[in-house]
C-alpha cells in the first residue's frame, strides 16, 4: 500500500505542470538553505564524519533531484509546444502531419 501511494503521488507531481514547478521551487529553496547551513555548521568532518557525509549526500541528492525535474520539465514543455504547434498548423492550413505524404 505504501509503495503504490508514493508512486501515485510522484506521478501526480510530475504530470501536473503547476505542481511540478512548485515542487522544483521548494526543492531549490531547500537545497540552497541546506548548502548555506552546511557551510556554516558542517564545514569540517572532524566532529562526526558520518553526519558530515550523510548531510552532504542529502544535499547532493536534492541537487540531482532538482536537475532531473528541470530536465523533465524542459522535455515536457517542448513536447507540449510541438503538439500545440502541430494543432495550430492543422487549424490554419488544414494540413494533417500524420497523414501527409
N, C-alpha and C. Protein backbone atom coordinates (compact mmCIF):
# COMPACT_ATOMS: atom_id res chain seq x y z
N UNK A 1 0.83 -1.19 0.00
CA UNK A 1 0.00 0.00 0.00
C UNK A 1 0.88 1.26 0.00
N UNK A 2 1.93 1.30 0.78
CA UNK A 2 2.77 2.48 0.90
C UNK A 2 3.51 2.80 -0.37
N UNK A 3 4.04 1.77 -1.05
CA UNK A 3 4.81 1.99 -2.27
C UNK A 3 3.89 2.50 -3.38
N UNK A 4 2.70 1.93 -3.49
CA UNK A 4 1.75 2.37 -4.52
C UNK A 4 1.35 3.82 -4.29
N UNK A 5 1.16 4.19 -3.05
CA UNK A 5 0.80 5.56 -2.73
C UNK A 5 1.91 6.53 -3.12
N UNK A 6 3.14 6.17 -2.84
CA UNK A 6 4.28 7.01 -3.20
C UNK A 6 4.38 7.15 -4.72
N UNK A 7 4.16 6.06 -5.44
CA UNK A 7 4.22 6.10 -6.90
C UNK A 7 3.11 6.99 -7.46
N UNK A 8 1.90 6.88 -6.92
CA UNK A 8 0.80 7.72 -7.39
C UNK A 8 1.04 9.20 -7.09
N UNK A 9 1.56 9.50 -5.93
CA UNK A 9 1.88 10.89 -5.60
C UNK A 9 2.96 11.43 -6.53
N UNK A 10 3.98 10.61 -6.80
CA UNK A 10 5.07 11.02 -7.69
C UNK A 10 4.55 11.28 -9.10
N UNK A 11 3.68 10.40 -9.60
CA UNK A 11 3.10 10.61 -10.93
C UNK A 11 2.29 11.89 -10.97
N UNK A 12 1.54 12.16 -9.92
CA UNK A 12 0.74 13.37 -9.87
C UNK A 12 1.60 14.62 -9.86
N UNK A 13 2.71 14.59 -9.13
CA UNK A 13 3.61 15.74 -9.08
C UNK A 13 4.31 15.97 -10.41
N UNK A 14 4.64 14.90 -11.09
CA UNK A 14 5.37 15.02 -12.35
C UNK A 14 4.45 15.44 -13.50
N UNK A 15 3.25 14.91 -13.55
CA UNK A 15 2.37 15.16 -14.70
C UNK A 15 1.71 16.53 -14.68
N UNK A 16 1.46 17.08 -13.53
CA UNK A 16 0.82 18.39 -13.45
C UNK A 16 1.89 19.47 -13.49
N UNK A 17 1.78 20.37 -14.46
CA UNK A 17 2.81 21.38 -14.68
C UNK A 17 2.96 22.32 -13.48
N UNK A 18 1.86 22.77 -12.92
CA UNK A 18 1.93 23.69 -11.79
C UNK A 18 2.54 23.01 -10.56
N UNK A 19 2.14 21.78 -10.30
CA UNK A 19 2.69 21.03 -9.16
C UNK A 19 4.17 20.74 -9.36
N UNK A 20 4.54 20.41 -10.59
CA UNK A 20 5.94 20.12 -10.89
C UNK A 20 6.81 21.35 -10.63
N UNK A 21 6.33 22.48 -11.06
CA UNK A 21 7.11 23.71 -10.88
C UNK A 21 7.12 24.15 -9.42
N UNK A 22 6.03 23.92 -8.72
CA UNK A 22 6.00 24.22 -7.28
C UNK A 22 6.99 23.32 -6.54
N UNK A 23 7.02 22.05 -6.93
CA UNK A 23 7.97 21.12 -6.32
C UNK A 23 9.40 21.54 -6.61
N UNK A 24 9.66 21.96 -7.84
CA UNK A 24 11.00 22.42 -8.18
C UNK A 24 11.39 23.64 -7.35
N UNK A 25 10.46 24.55 -7.12
CA UNK A 25 10.74 25.74 -6.32
C UNK A 25 11.08 25.36 -4.89
N UNK A 26 10.27 24.48 -4.30
CA UNK A 26 10.51 24.06 -2.92
C UNK A 26 11.84 23.33 -2.79
N UNK A 27 12.14 22.45 -3.75
CA UNK A 27 13.40 21.71 -3.71
C UNK A 27 14.58 22.66 -3.89
N UNK A 28 14.43 23.66 -4.75
CA UNK A 28 15.52 24.63 -4.95
C UNK A 28 15.77 25.43 -3.68
N UNK A 29 14.72 25.88 -3.02
CA UNK A 29 14.88 26.63 -1.77
C UNK A 29 15.51 25.73 -0.70
N UNK A 30 15.04 24.49 -0.59
CA UNK A 30 15.60 23.56 0.40
C UNK A 30 17.07 23.29 0.12
N UNK A 31 17.43 23.13 -1.14
CA UNK A 31 18.83 22.88 -1.49
C UNK A 31 19.71 24.08 -1.14
N UNK A 32 19.24 25.26 -1.48
CA UNK A 32 20.02 26.47 -1.17
C UNK A 32 20.21 26.62 0.34
N UNK A 33 19.13 26.41 1.09
CA UNK A 33 19.23 26.53 2.55
C UNK A 33 20.14 25.46 3.14
N UNK A 34 20.05 24.23 2.63
CA UNK A 34 20.90 23.16 3.15
C UNK A 34 22.37 23.42 2.86
N UNK A 35 22.67 23.87 1.65
CA UNK A 35 24.07 24.17 1.31
C UNK A 35 24.58 25.32 2.16
N UNK A 36 23.77 26.36 2.32
CA UNK A 36 24.18 27.51 3.13
C UNK A 36 24.43 27.10 4.58
N UNK A 37 23.48 26.38 5.18
CA UNK A 37 23.67 25.96 6.57
C UNK A 37 24.78 24.92 6.70
N UNK A 38 24.98 24.13 5.66
CA UNK A 38 26.06 23.15 5.69
C UNK A 38 27.43 23.79 5.75
N UNK A 39 27.59 24.89 5.02
CA UNK A 39 28.87 25.59 5.05
C UNK A 39 29.11 26.26 6.39
N UNK A 40 28.04 26.61 7.08
CA UNK A 40 28.19 27.25 8.39
C UNK A 40 28.43 26.22 9.49
N UNK A 41 27.59 25.17 9.54
CA UNK A 41 27.61 24.24 10.67
C UNK A 41 28.41 22.96 10.43
N UNK A 42 28.44 22.48 9.18
CA UNK A 42 29.12 21.21 8.89
C UNK A 42 30.31 21.44 7.97
N UNK A 43 31.10 22.43 8.27
CA UNK A 43 32.20 22.78 7.39
C UNK A 43 33.35 21.78 7.45
N UNK A 44 33.56 21.15 8.58
CA UNK A 44 34.66 20.20 8.69
C UNK A 44 34.12 18.85 9.16
N UNK A 45 34.66 17.77 8.61
CA UNK A 45 34.19 16.44 9.03
C UNK A 45 34.80 15.99 10.35
N UNK A 46 35.49 16.86 11.06
CA UNK A 46 36.18 16.48 12.28
C UNK A 46 35.24 16.05 13.41
N UNK A 47 34.09 16.66 13.54
CA UNK A 47 33.17 16.34 14.63
C UNK A 47 32.60 14.93 14.47
N UNK A 48 31.90 14.72 13.40
CA UNK A 48 31.29 13.42 13.14
C UNK A 48 31.33 13.17 11.63
N UNK A 49 32.25 12.32 11.19
CA UNK A 49 32.38 12.11 9.75
C UNK A 49 31.11 11.53 9.11
N UNK A 50 30.40 10.68 9.83
CA UNK A 50 29.19 10.08 9.27
C UNK A 50 28.10 11.13 9.09
N UNK A 51 27.94 11.99 10.08
CA UNK A 51 26.94 13.06 9.97
C UNK A 51 27.30 14.01 8.83
N UNK A 52 28.57 14.31 8.69
CA UNK A 52 29.06 15.16 7.62
C UNK A 52 28.75 14.54 6.25
N UNK A 53 29.05 13.25 6.09
CA UNK A 53 28.83 12.57 4.80
C UNK A 53 27.35 12.44 4.49
N UNK A 54 26.55 12.09 5.47
CA UNK A 54 25.10 11.94 5.23
C UNK A 54 24.48 13.28 4.86
N UNK A 55 24.88 14.33 5.55
CA UNK A 55 24.33 15.65 5.27
C UNK A 55 24.65 16.08 3.84
N UNK A 56 25.92 15.94 3.44
CA UNK A 56 26.28 16.37 2.09
C UNK A 56 25.75 15.42 1.03
N UNK A 57 25.54 14.16 1.38
CA UNK A 57 24.87 13.26 0.44
C UNK A 57 23.43 13.72 0.22
N UNK A 58 22.75 14.14 1.28
CA UNK A 58 21.38 14.65 1.15
C UNK A 58 21.34 15.90 0.28
N UNK A 59 22.32 16.79 0.46
CA UNK A 59 22.41 17.99 -0.38
C UNK A 59 22.63 17.61 -1.85
N UNK A 60 23.49 16.64 -2.09
CA UNK A 60 23.75 16.17 -3.45
C UNK A 60 22.51 15.54 -4.06
N UNK A 61 21.78 14.77 -3.25
CA UNK A 61 20.57 14.12 -3.73
C UNK A 61 19.52 15.16 -4.12
N UNK A 62 19.35 16.19 -3.30
CA UNK A 62 18.39 17.24 -3.63
C UNK A 62 18.80 17.99 -4.90
N UNK A 63 20.10 18.22 -5.07
CA UNK A 63 20.58 18.89 -6.27
C UNK A 63 20.32 18.04 -7.51
N UNK A 64 20.59 16.75 -7.41
CA UNK A 64 20.32 15.84 -8.53
C UNK A 64 18.82 15.79 -8.83
N UNK A 65 17.99 15.75 -7.80
CA UNK A 65 16.54 15.75 -7.99
C UNK A 65 16.10 17.02 -8.71
N UNK A 66 16.65 18.14 -8.34
CA UNK A 66 16.31 19.41 -8.98
C UNK A 66 16.72 19.42 -10.44
N UNK A 67 17.89 18.91 -10.74
CA UNK A 67 18.36 18.86 -12.14
C UNK A 67 17.46 17.94 -12.96
N UNK A 68 17.11 16.78 -12.42
CA UNK A 68 16.25 15.85 -13.16
C UNK A 68 14.85 16.42 -13.37
N UNK A 69 14.30 17.09 -12.37
CA UNK A 69 12.99 17.72 -12.53
C UNK A 69 13.04 18.82 -13.59
N UNK A 70 14.12 19.59 -13.61
CA UNK A 70 14.26 20.65 -14.61
C UNK A 70 14.38 20.06 -16.02
N UNK A 71 15.15 19.00 -16.17
CA UNK A 71 15.26 18.35 -17.48
C UNK A 71 13.93 17.79 -17.94
N UNK A 72 13.21 17.13 -17.02
CA UNK A 72 11.90 16.59 -17.37
C UNK A 72 10.94 17.71 -17.74
N UNK A 73 11.00 18.84 -17.03
CA UNK A 73 10.13 19.96 -17.34
C UNK A 73 10.42 20.52 -18.72
N UNK A 74 11.70 20.63 -19.08
CA UNK A 74 12.06 21.11 -20.41
C UNK A 74 11.55 20.17 -21.50
N UNK A 75 11.70 18.87 -21.29
CA UNK A 75 11.24 17.89 -22.28
C UNK A 75 9.72 17.91 -22.40
N UNK A 76 9.03 17.99 -21.27
CA UNK A 76 7.56 18.00 -21.29
C UNK A 76 7.04 19.28 -21.95
N UNK A 77 7.66 20.40 -21.68
CA UNK A 77 7.23 21.65 -22.30
C UNK A 77 7.49 21.65 -23.79
N UNK A 78 8.62 21.09 -24.19
CA UNK A 78 8.91 21.02 -25.62
C UNK A 78 7.90 20.14 -26.33
N UNK A 79 7.54 19.01 -25.74
CA UNK A 79 6.53 18.13 -26.34
C UNK A 79 5.18 18.82 -26.41
N UNK A 80 4.83 19.57 -25.36
CA UNK A 80 3.55 20.29 -25.36
C UNK A 80 3.54 21.36 -26.44
N UNK A 81 4.64 22.09 -26.60
CA UNK A 81 4.71 23.13 -27.62
C UNK A 81 4.68 22.56 -29.03
N UNK A 82 5.33 21.43 -29.24
CA UNK A 82 5.29 20.78 -30.56
C UNK A 82 3.87 20.35 -30.90
N UNK A 83 3.17 19.76 -29.91
CA UNK A 83 1.79 19.33 -30.15
C UNK A 83 0.89 20.54 -30.41
N UNK A 84 1.11 21.62 -29.69
CA UNK A 84 0.31 22.83 -29.91
C UNK A 84 0.60 23.43 -31.28
N UNK A 85 1.85 23.42 -31.68
CA UNK A 85 2.23 23.93 -33.00
C UNK A 85 1.59 23.09 -34.10
N UNK A 86 1.62 21.79 -33.93
CA UNK A 86 1.00 20.89 -34.91
C UNK A 86 -0.51 21.15 -35.00
N UNK A 87 -1.15 21.36 -33.86
CA UNK A 87 -2.59 21.62 -33.84
C UNK A 87 -2.92 22.94 -34.54
N UNK A 88 -2.12 23.96 -34.29
CA UNK A 88 -2.34 25.24 -34.95
C UNK A 88 -2.14 25.15 -36.45
N UNK A 89 -1.16 24.38 -36.89
CA UNK A 89 -0.94 24.17 -38.32
C UNK A 89 -2.15 23.50 -38.96
N UNK A 90 -2.68 22.49 -38.27
CA UNK A 90 -3.85 21.79 -38.80
C UNK A 90 -5.04 22.73 -38.88
N UNK A 91 -5.24 23.58 -37.88
CA UNK A 91 -6.36 24.50 -37.89
C UNK A 91 -6.22 25.56 -38.97
N UNK A 92 -5.02 26.10 -39.15
CA UNK A 92 -4.83 27.21 -40.08
C UNK A 92 -4.73 26.75 -41.53
N UNK A 93 -4.02 25.68 -41.78
CA UNK A 93 -3.76 25.26 -43.16
C UNK A 93 -4.48 23.98 -43.56
N UNK A 94 -5.10 23.33 -42.62
CA UNK A 94 -5.78 22.08 -42.93
C UNK A 94 -4.82 20.95 -43.25
N UNK A 95 -3.60 21.07 -42.79
CA UNK A 95 -2.58 20.05 -43.04
C UNK A 95 -2.53 19.10 -41.86
N UNK A 96 -2.70 17.83 -42.13
CA UNK A 96 -2.59 16.82 -41.10
C UNK A 96 -1.19 16.23 -41.20
N UNK A 97 -0.37 16.44 -40.20
CA UNK A 97 1.02 16.00 -40.23
C UNK A 97 1.15 14.49 -40.27
N UNK A 98 0.19 13.76 -39.69
CA UNK A 98 0.29 12.31 -39.63
C UNK A 98 -0.04 11.65 -40.96
N UNK A 99 -0.91 12.27 -41.75
CA UNK A 99 -1.38 11.63 -42.99
C UNK A 99 -0.78 12.20 -44.24
N UNK A 100 0.09 13.17 -44.16
CA UNK A 100 0.64 13.75 -45.37
C UNK A 100 1.73 12.85 -45.95
N UNK A 101 1.90 12.97 -47.25
CA UNK A 101 2.89 12.13 -47.95
C UNK A 101 3.87 12.96 -48.71
